[in-house]
Amino acid sequence: MSSQQIPEDSLPAVQETAHGAVEGTDDPFADPGLPAHKPRIQDLDERAANRSERAVALMFTLSMLATVGFIASYVIFPVDKIVYIWPFGHVSALNFSLGLTLGAALFFIGAGAVHWARTLMSDVEVAAERHPIEATPEVKAQVMADFAAGAEESAIGRRKLIRNTMFGALALVPLSGVVLLRDLGPLPEKKLRNTLWAEGKQLINMNTMKPLRPEHITVGSLAFAMPEGLDPESHDFQTQMGKAALMIVRIEPDDIKDKRQRDWAHEGIVAFSKICTHVGCPISLYEQQTHHVLCPCHQSTFDLSDGARVIFGPAGHPLPQLRIGVNSEGNLEALGDFDEPVGAAFWERG
């Protein structure tokens, strides 16, 4: 039986308020109004309000102390001080203290403001009627008339000297903010163009931490090396390795296509920068049959048998090569620095 066949007085009462209609009305979208306001404990008990006030004041006080700690960190901690903090490991004492104190200062300000608003500020909801956002045609016409009158009275169209100098002042004043960039740190100068490699520096195996010898490098193998004298425990180890990381492979001399590469090698042992020339990712994937190395970040592929030229991917230029030889002790050594800046092409053009 359909609903049309059921007598109206037999329909359930819920039908009267179906589809969101307010009981007693025929409008399904009638405003139901606001629920009755329920007072908080702070509204009824002054002691509870005082406790909330003290809690908010405490958070603001902690924020002030954290700000003082932030300023004091500049004086207390030297820039190069490294400390061990669990579970972060070895970190810069200055950076950690600055981040911790600034984070605490901002957190306690926010927490205090939220607690203040939720417990002490008025929470009575006020309903306001909406009004059209768009201005009336009369208001629009009046605004445009006022603007035209203001432009005419300012004489900006006739006083070209004032107009042009004002535009110049407005254009130049933002440049003063560029000066603030100088405080971001020391200028790189030529530090990014040079590495720790120099003539006579032995190639140290990254796995054994011992000097590499030609017999340690077999055809088809891949090894990684760092400059002699670089301490893995030093605070700037990662910074230096970001420029000096070296990968070494041995290729049959007859398979080397590039003449300069063959001259800079030793018995087929070639050394190239491990840093991809796209965005500086470390390269570690080597295919011994094709002599190709692949950057795992964006799949730039380099041919180590042909001057490490780019054969695929977004890298802009070949990997820099390090000229190597053998010293009197029979260990592999560098005969200078890389032939060009390592890493992304920006540093080559910059």
Protein backbone atom coordinates (compact mmCIF):
# COMPACT_ATOMS: atom_id res chain seq x y z
CA MET A 1 0.00 0.00 0.00
CA SER A 2 1.42 3.41 -0.97
CA SER A 3 1.51 6.45 1.29
CA GLN A 4 -1.21 8.05 -0.85
CA GLN A 5 -3.61 5.35 0.29
CA ILE A 6 -2.95 5.83 4.04
CA PRO A 7 -5.28 8.22 5.86
CA GLU A 8 -3.54 11.41 6.97
CA ASP A 9 -4.46 10.86 10.61
CA SER A 10 -2.70 7.48 10.48
CA LEU A 11 0.66 8.91 9.32
CA PRO A 12 3.37 8.97 12.02
CA ALA A 13 3.96 12.24 13.80
CA VAL A 14 7.54 12.36 12.55
CA GLN A 15 6.19 13.31 9.16
CA GLU A 16 5.42 16.74 10.59
CA THR A 17 9.11 17.55 11.00
CA ALA A 18 10.53 15.56 8.07
CA HIS A 19 13.19 17.06 5.77
CA GLY A 20 14.40 19.46 8.44
CA ALA A 21 11.18 21.39 8.93
CA VAL A 22 10.76 23.02 12.32
CA GLU A 23 7.85 21.58 14.23
CA GLY A 24 4.77 23.76 13.94
CA THR A 25 5.84 25.40 10.66
CA ASP A 26 5.57 24.56 6.98
CA ASP A 27 9.00 26.00 6.07
CA PRO A 28 11.61 23.19 5.71
CA PHE A 29 14.43 25.77 6.00
CA ALA A 30 13.20 27.76 8.95
CA ASP A 31 15.85 29.06 11.34
CA PRO A 32 15.79 26.75 14.38
CA GLY A 33 17.48 29.42 16.49
CA LEU A 34 20.39 29.05 18.91
CA PRO A 35 20.40 26.56 21.76
CA ALA A 36 20.17 27.93 25.26
CA HIS A 37 23.48 29.27 26.55
CA LYS A 38 25.18 27.04 29.10
CA PRO A 39 27.43 28.89 31.54
CA ARG A 40 30.96 27.65 32.19
CA ILE A 41 32.36 26.94 35.63
CA GLN A 42 34.40 30.15 35.36
CA ASP A 43 31.17 32.09 34.87
CA LEU A 44 29.73 30.70 38.10
CA ASP A 45 32.76 30.36 40.35
CA GLU A 46 35.17 33.28 40.75
CA ARG A 47 37.81 30.97 42.18
CA ALA A 48 37.76 28.92 38.97
CA ALA A 49 38.07 32.14 36.97
CA ASN A 50 41.06 33.16 39.08
CA ARG A 51 42.68 29.78 38.46
CA SER A 52 42.23 30.24 34.71
CA GLU A 53 43.69 33.72 34.96
CA ARG A 54 46.77 32.39 36.76
CA ALA A 55 47.14 29.60 34.17
CA VAL A 56 47.06 32.10 31.31
CA ALA A 57 49.53 34.38 33.10
CA LEU A 58 51.83 31.40 33.69
CA MET A 59 51.85 30.53 29.98
CA PHE A 60 52.62 34.11 29.02
CA THR A 61 55.41 34.20 31.62
CA LEU A 62 56.88 30.98 30.22
CA SER A 63 56.77 32.57 26.78
CA MET A 64 58.72 35.55 28.07
CA LEU A 65 61.33 33.29 29.66
CA ALA A 66 61.66 31.32 26.43
CA THR A 67 62.20 34.56 24.51
CA VAL A 68 64.92 35.57 26.95
CA GLY A 69 66.45 32.11 26.45
CA PHE A 70 66.33 32.61 22.69
CA ILE A 71 68.31 35.85 22.99
CA ALA A 72 70.72 34.34 25.51
CA SER A 73 71.45 31.40 23.19
CA TYR A 74 73.32 33.75 20.84
CA VAL A 75 75.70 34.60 23.67
CA ILE A 76 76.03 31.20 25.31
CA PHE A 77 76.56 28.83 22.39
CA PRO A 78 79.28 29.23 19.76
CA VAL A 79 78.31 28.61 16.16
CA ASP A 80 80.48 25.50 15.77
CA LYS A 81 79.54 23.74 19.04
CA ILE A 82 78.12 20.24 18.42
CA VAL A 83 76.32 18.32 21.18
CA TYR A 84 74.63 14.93 21.41
CA ILE A 85 70.92 15.07 22.19
CA TRP A 86 68.83 11.95 22.23
CA PRO A 87 67.06 11.03 19.95
CA PHE A 88 68.31 13.63 17.47
CA GLY A 89 71.97 12.60 17.64
CA HIS A 90 74.77 15.11 17.11
CA VAL A 91 73.28 18.53 16.40
CA SER A 92 74.34 22.16 16.53
CA ALA A 93 73.86 23.44 20.08
CA LEU A 94 73.03 26.92 18.80
CA ASN A 95 70.45 25.81 16.24
CA PHE A 96 68.80 23.39 18.65
CA SER A 97 68.54 25.98 21.43
CA LEU A 98 67.21 28.64 19.07
CA GLY A 99 64.57 26.33 17.67
CA LEU A 100 63.55 25.02 21.09
CA THR A 101 63.25 28.42 22.77
CA LEU A 102 61.52 30.13 19.85
CA GLY A 103 59.10 27.24 19.48
CA ALA A 104 58.32 27.35 23.20
CA ALA A 105 57.81 31.12 23.13
CA LEU A 106 55.32 30.91 20.26
CA PHE A 107 53.58 27.84 21.69
CA PHE A 108 52.94 29.37 25.11
CA ILE A 109 51.62 32.59 23.57
CA GLY A 110 49.17 30.58 21.48
CA ALA A 111 48.22 28.24 24.31
CA GLY A 112 47.67 31.16 26.69
CA ALA A 113 45.51 33.00 24.17
CA VAL A 114 43.39 29.90 23.49
CA HIS A 115 42.92 29.17 27.20
CA TRP A 116 42.01 32.80 27.84
CA ALA A 117 39.41 32.79 25.06
CA ARG A 118 37.86 29.46 26.09
CA THR A 119 37.60 30.09 29.83
CA LEU A 120 37.43 33.83 30.50
CA MET A 121 36.26 35.66 27.40
CA SER A 122 32.55 35.81 26.70
CA ASP A 123 31.25 32.76 24.85
CA VAL A 124 27.74 34.00 24.23
CA GLU A 125 26.83 33.40 20.59
CA VAL A 126 25.41 36.41 18.76
CA ALA A 127 23.41 35.98 15.58
CA ALA A 128 23.71 38.72 12.98
CA GLU A 129 21.66 39.04 9.84
CA ARG A 130 23.60 38.71 6.63
CA HIS A 131 23.57 41.56 4.18
CA PRO A 132 24.55 41.76 0.52
CA ILE A 133 28.31 42.15 0.05
CA GLU A 134 28.00 44.03 -3.22
CA ALA A 135 27.61 47.78 -2.98
CA THR A 136 24.55 49.47 -4.39
CA PRO A 137 24.81 51.30 -7.73
CA GLU A 138 24.52 54.63 -5.90
CA VAL A 139 27.50 53.79 -3.64
CA LYS A 140 29.57 52.63 -6.61
CA ALA A 141 28.86 55.83 -8.49
CA GLN A 142 29.74 57.92 -5.44
CA VAL A 143 33.05 56.05 -4.91
CA MET A 144 34.10 56.53 -8.52
CA ALA A 145 33.14 60.19 -8.36
CA ASP A 146 35.13 60.66 -5.16
CA PHE A 147 38.13 58.91 -6.71
CA ALA A 148 38.04 61.08 -9.81
CA ALA A 149 37.70 64.20 -7.69
CA GLY A 150 40.61 63.15 -5.48
CA ALA A 151 42.83 62.45 -8.49
CA GLU A 152 41.94 65.85 -9.92
CA GLU A 153 42.59 67.67 -6.67
CA SER A 154 45.94 65.91 -6.13
CA ALA A 155 47.13 67.20 -9.52
CA ILE A 156 49.03 63.93 -10.01
CA GLY A 157 48.33 64.11 -13.72
CA ARG A 158 49.72 67.63 -14.06
CA ARG A 159 52.56 67.43 -11.53
CA LYS A 160 54.68 64.88 -13.38
CA LEU A 161 57.78 65.56 -11.29
CA ILE A 162 55.97 64.60 -8.09
CA ARG A 163 54.37 61.59 -9.74
CA ASN A 164 57.60 60.20 -11.18
CA THR A 165 59.65 60.74 -8.01
CA MET A 166 56.89 59.13 -5.92
CA PHE A 167 56.90 56.05 -8.15
CA GLY A 168 60.69 55.93 -7.89
CA ALA A 169 60.59 56.13 -4.10
CA LEU A 170 57.94 53.40 -3.86
CA ALA A 171 59.93 51.17 -6.21
CA LEU A 172 63.25 51.58 -4.40
CA VAL A 173 62.21 51.43 -0.76
CA PRO A 174 61.61 47.63 -0.84
CA LEU A 175 65.26 47.20 -1.83
CA SER A 176 66.22 48.14 1.72
CA GLY A 177 64.94 44.71 2.77
CA VAL A 178 67.64 43.10 0.64
CA VAL A 179 70.19 44.33 3.17
CA LEU A 180 68.59 42.01 5.73
CA LEU A 181 69.60 39.04 3.59
CA ARG A 182 73.23 39.80 4.44
CA ASP A 183 72.59 38.58 8.00
CA LEU A 184 71.54 35.13 6.80
CA GLY A 185 75.16 34.03 6.91
CA PRO A 186 78.57 34.60 5.37
CA LEU A 187 78.77 34.89 1.61
CA PRO A 188 79.86 31.63 -0.08
CA GLU A 189 82.58 33.47 -2.05
CA LYS A 190 84.47 30.69 -3.90
CA LYS A 191 84.03 27.98 -1.30
CA LEU A 192 81.55 26.11 -3.49
CA ARG A 193 83.93 26.14 -6.44
CA ASN A 194 86.74 24.31 -4.65
CA THR A 195 86.96 21.04 -2.72
CA LEU A 196 89.51 19.45 -0.38
CA TRP A 197 91.11 17.59 -3.26
CA ALA A 198 94.58 18.83 -4.06
CA GLU A 199 97.77 17.50 -5.57
CA GLY A 200 99.23 14.73 -3.41
CA LYS A 201 95.99 13.97 -1.47
CA GLN A 202 95.59 10.19 -1.23
CA LEU A 203 92.26 8.52 -2.06
CA ILE A 204 90.86 7.00 1.16
CA ASN A 205 88.42 4.11 0.86
CA MET A 206 85.11 5.09 2.50
CA ASN A 207 84.55 1.53 3.76
CA THR A 208 87.98 0.58 5.10
CA MET A 209 89.27 4.13 5.79
CA LYS A 210 92.59 3.05 4.24
CA PRO A 211 94.41 4.39 1.17
CA LEU A 212 93.28 2.87 -2.10
CA ARG A 213 95.77 1.03 -4.30
CA PRO A 214 95.32 0.21 -8.01
CA GLU A 215 95.06 -3.51 -7.25
CA HIS A 216 92.08 -2.81 -4.99
CA ILE A 217 90.03 -1.63 -7.97
CA THR A 218 88.94 -4.44 -10.28
CA VAL A 219 87.30 -4.05 -13.68
CA GLY A 220 83.59 -3.50 -13.25
CA SER A 221 83.77 -2.60 -9.57
CA LEU A 222 82.64 0.64 -7.99
CA ALA A 223 84.35 2.24 -4.98
CA PHE A 224 83.85 5.47 -3.07
CA ALA A 225 86.65 7.62 -1.70
CA MET A 226 87.27 10.76 0.32
CA PRO A 227 90.32 13.03 0.58
CA GLU A 228 93.16 12.15 2.89
CA GLY A 229 93.04 14.04 6.19
CA LEU A 230 89.26 14.44 6.37
CA ASP A 231 87.96 13.27 9.75
CA PRO A 232 84.48 11.67 9.70
CA GLU A 233 83.97 12.93 13.28
CA SER A 234 84.62 16.57 12.40
CA HIS A 235 81.68 18.94 12.50
CA ASP A 236 82.08 19.95 8.86
CA PHE A 237 82.50 16.41 7.50
CA GLN A 238 79.16 16.35 5.70
CA THR A 239 79.74 19.83 4.29
CA GLN A 240 83.10 18.84 2.83
CA MET A 241 81.86 15.47 1.57
CA GLY A 242 78.99 17.25 -0.16
CA LYS A 243 81.65 18.60 -2.52
CA ALA A 244 84.49 16.06 -2.37
CA ALA A 245 82.59 12.74 -2.58
CA LEU A 246 84.32 10.60 -5.21
CA MET A 247 83.37 7.43 -7.06
CA ILE A 248 86.03 5.26 -8.68
CA VAL A 249 85.62 2.61 -11.36
CA ARG A 250 88.02 0.61 -13.46
CA ILE A 251 87.37 0.34 -17.18
CA GLU A 252 89.39 -1.43 -19.80
CA PRO A 253 91.56 1.32 -21.34
CA ASP A 254 90.39 0.36 -24.84
CA ASP A 255 86.77 0.98 -23.76
CA ILE A 256 87.45 4.61 -22.76
CA LYS A 257 86.25 6.81 -25.62
CA ASP A 258 87.32 10.22 -24.34
CA LYS A 259 91.04 11.00 -24.77
CA ARG A 260 91.29 13.45 -21.87
CA GLN A 261 89.52 10.98 -19.61
CA ARG A 262 92.08 8.34 -20.54
CA ASP A 263 94.95 10.75 -19.84
CA TRP A 264 93.50 11.69 -16.43
CA ALA A 265 93.01 8.03 -15.46
CA HIS A 266 95.53 5.50 -14.18
CA GLU A 267 95.55 2.14 -15.92
CA GLY A 268 91.85 2.50 -16.67
CA ILE A 269 90.95 3.67 -13.17
CA VAL A 270 88.83 6.79 -13.47
CA ALA A 271 87.57 9.05 -10.68
CA PHE A 272 84.45 11.22 -11.02
CA SER A 273 82.45 13.35 -8.65
CA LYS A 274 79.68 11.40 -6.94
CA ILE A 275 77.46 14.50 -6.84
CA CYS A 276 74.87 14.68 -9.61
CA THR A 277 75.03 17.83 -11.71
CA HIS A 278 71.25 18.22 -11.65
CA VAL A 279 70.36 19.04 -8.02
CA GLY A 280 73.26 17.47 -6.14
CA CYS A 281 71.97 14.00 -5.25
CA PRO A 282 74.57 11.28 -4.53
CA ILE A 283 75.06 8.80 -7.39
CA SER A 284 75.53 5.17 -6.41
CA LEU A 285 73.97 2.93 -9.11
CA TYR A 286 76.51 1.52 -11.57
CA GLU A 287 75.94 -0.82 -14.53
CA GLN A 288 79.28 -2.45 -15.31
CA GLN A 289 78.37 -3.75 -18.78
CA THR A 290 77.47 -0.32 -20.17
CA HIS A 291 79.62 1.76 -17.78
CA HIS A 292 76.58 3.89 -16.99
CA VAL A 293 75.81 5.39 -13.59
CA LEU A 294 72.31 6.42 -12.60
CA CYS A 295 71.20 9.13 -10.19
CA PRO A 296 68.35 7.65 -8.11
CA CYS A 297 66.63 11.02 -7.58
CA HIS A 298 65.66 12.01 -11.12
CA GLN A 299 67.23 9.23 -13.23
CA SER A 300 69.98 11.30 -14.82
CA THR A 301 72.33 8.82 -16.51
CA PHE A 302 76.02 9.36 -17.22
CA ASP A 303 78.41 7.36 -19.42
CA LEU A 304 81.66 6.88 -17.49
CA SER A 305 83.40 5.51 -20.58
CA ASP A 306 82.81 8.74 -22.48
CA GLY A 307 83.78 11.58 -20.13
CA ALA A 308 80.74 10.98 -17.90
CA ARG A 309 78.55 12.80 -20.40
CA VAL A 310 74.79 12.92 -19.86
CA ILE A 311 72.91 10.38 -21.97
CA PHE A 312 69.52 10.66 -20.23
CA GLY A 313 67.71 12.80 -17.69
CA PRO A 314 67.62 16.43 -16.59
CA ALA A 315 71.29 16.87 -15.65
CA GLY A 316 72.85 19.76 -17.53
CA HIS A 317 76.48 18.70 -17.95
CA PRO A 318 78.90 15.79 -17.35
CA LEU A 319 80.25 14.78 -13.97
CA PRO A 320 83.53 16.54 -13.12
CA GLN A 321 86.58 14.28 -13.33
CA LEU A 322 89.46 14.14 -10.86
CA ARG A 323 92.91 13.57 -12.30
CA ILE A 324 94.63 10.76 -10.39
CA GLY A 325 97.97 8.96 -10.30
CA VAL A 326 100.07 6.75 -8.00
CA ASN A 327 102.51 8.03 -5.36
CA SER A 328 105.80 6.54 -4.30
CA GLU A 329 104.02 4.20 -1.86
CA GLY A 330 101.86 2.74 -4.59
CA ASN A 331 98.66 4.42 -3.39
CA LEU A 332 96.25 6.31 -5.59
CA GLU A 333 96.48 10.08 -5.19
CA ALA A 334 94.89 13.17 -6.65
CA LEU A 335 96.89 15.33 -9.04
CA GLY A 336 94.79 18.42 -8.36
CA ASP A 337 91.21 19.47 -7.75
CA PHE A 338 88.22 18.75 -9.97
CA ASP A 339 88.39 20.37 -13.37
CA GLU A 340 85.17 22.33 -12.67
CA PRO A 341 82.79 23.04 -9.76
CA VAL A 342 80.88 19.97 -8.62
CA GLY A 343 77.16 19.63 -8.13
CA ALA A 344 74.29 21.51 -9.71
CA ALA A 345 74.92 23.61 -12.77
CA PHE A 346 74.00 26.76 -10.88
CA TRP A 347 77.41 26.91 -9.25
CA GLU A 348 79.11 26.62 -12.62
CA ARG A 349 77.16 29.55 -14.02
CA GLY A 350 77.03 31.59 -10.80
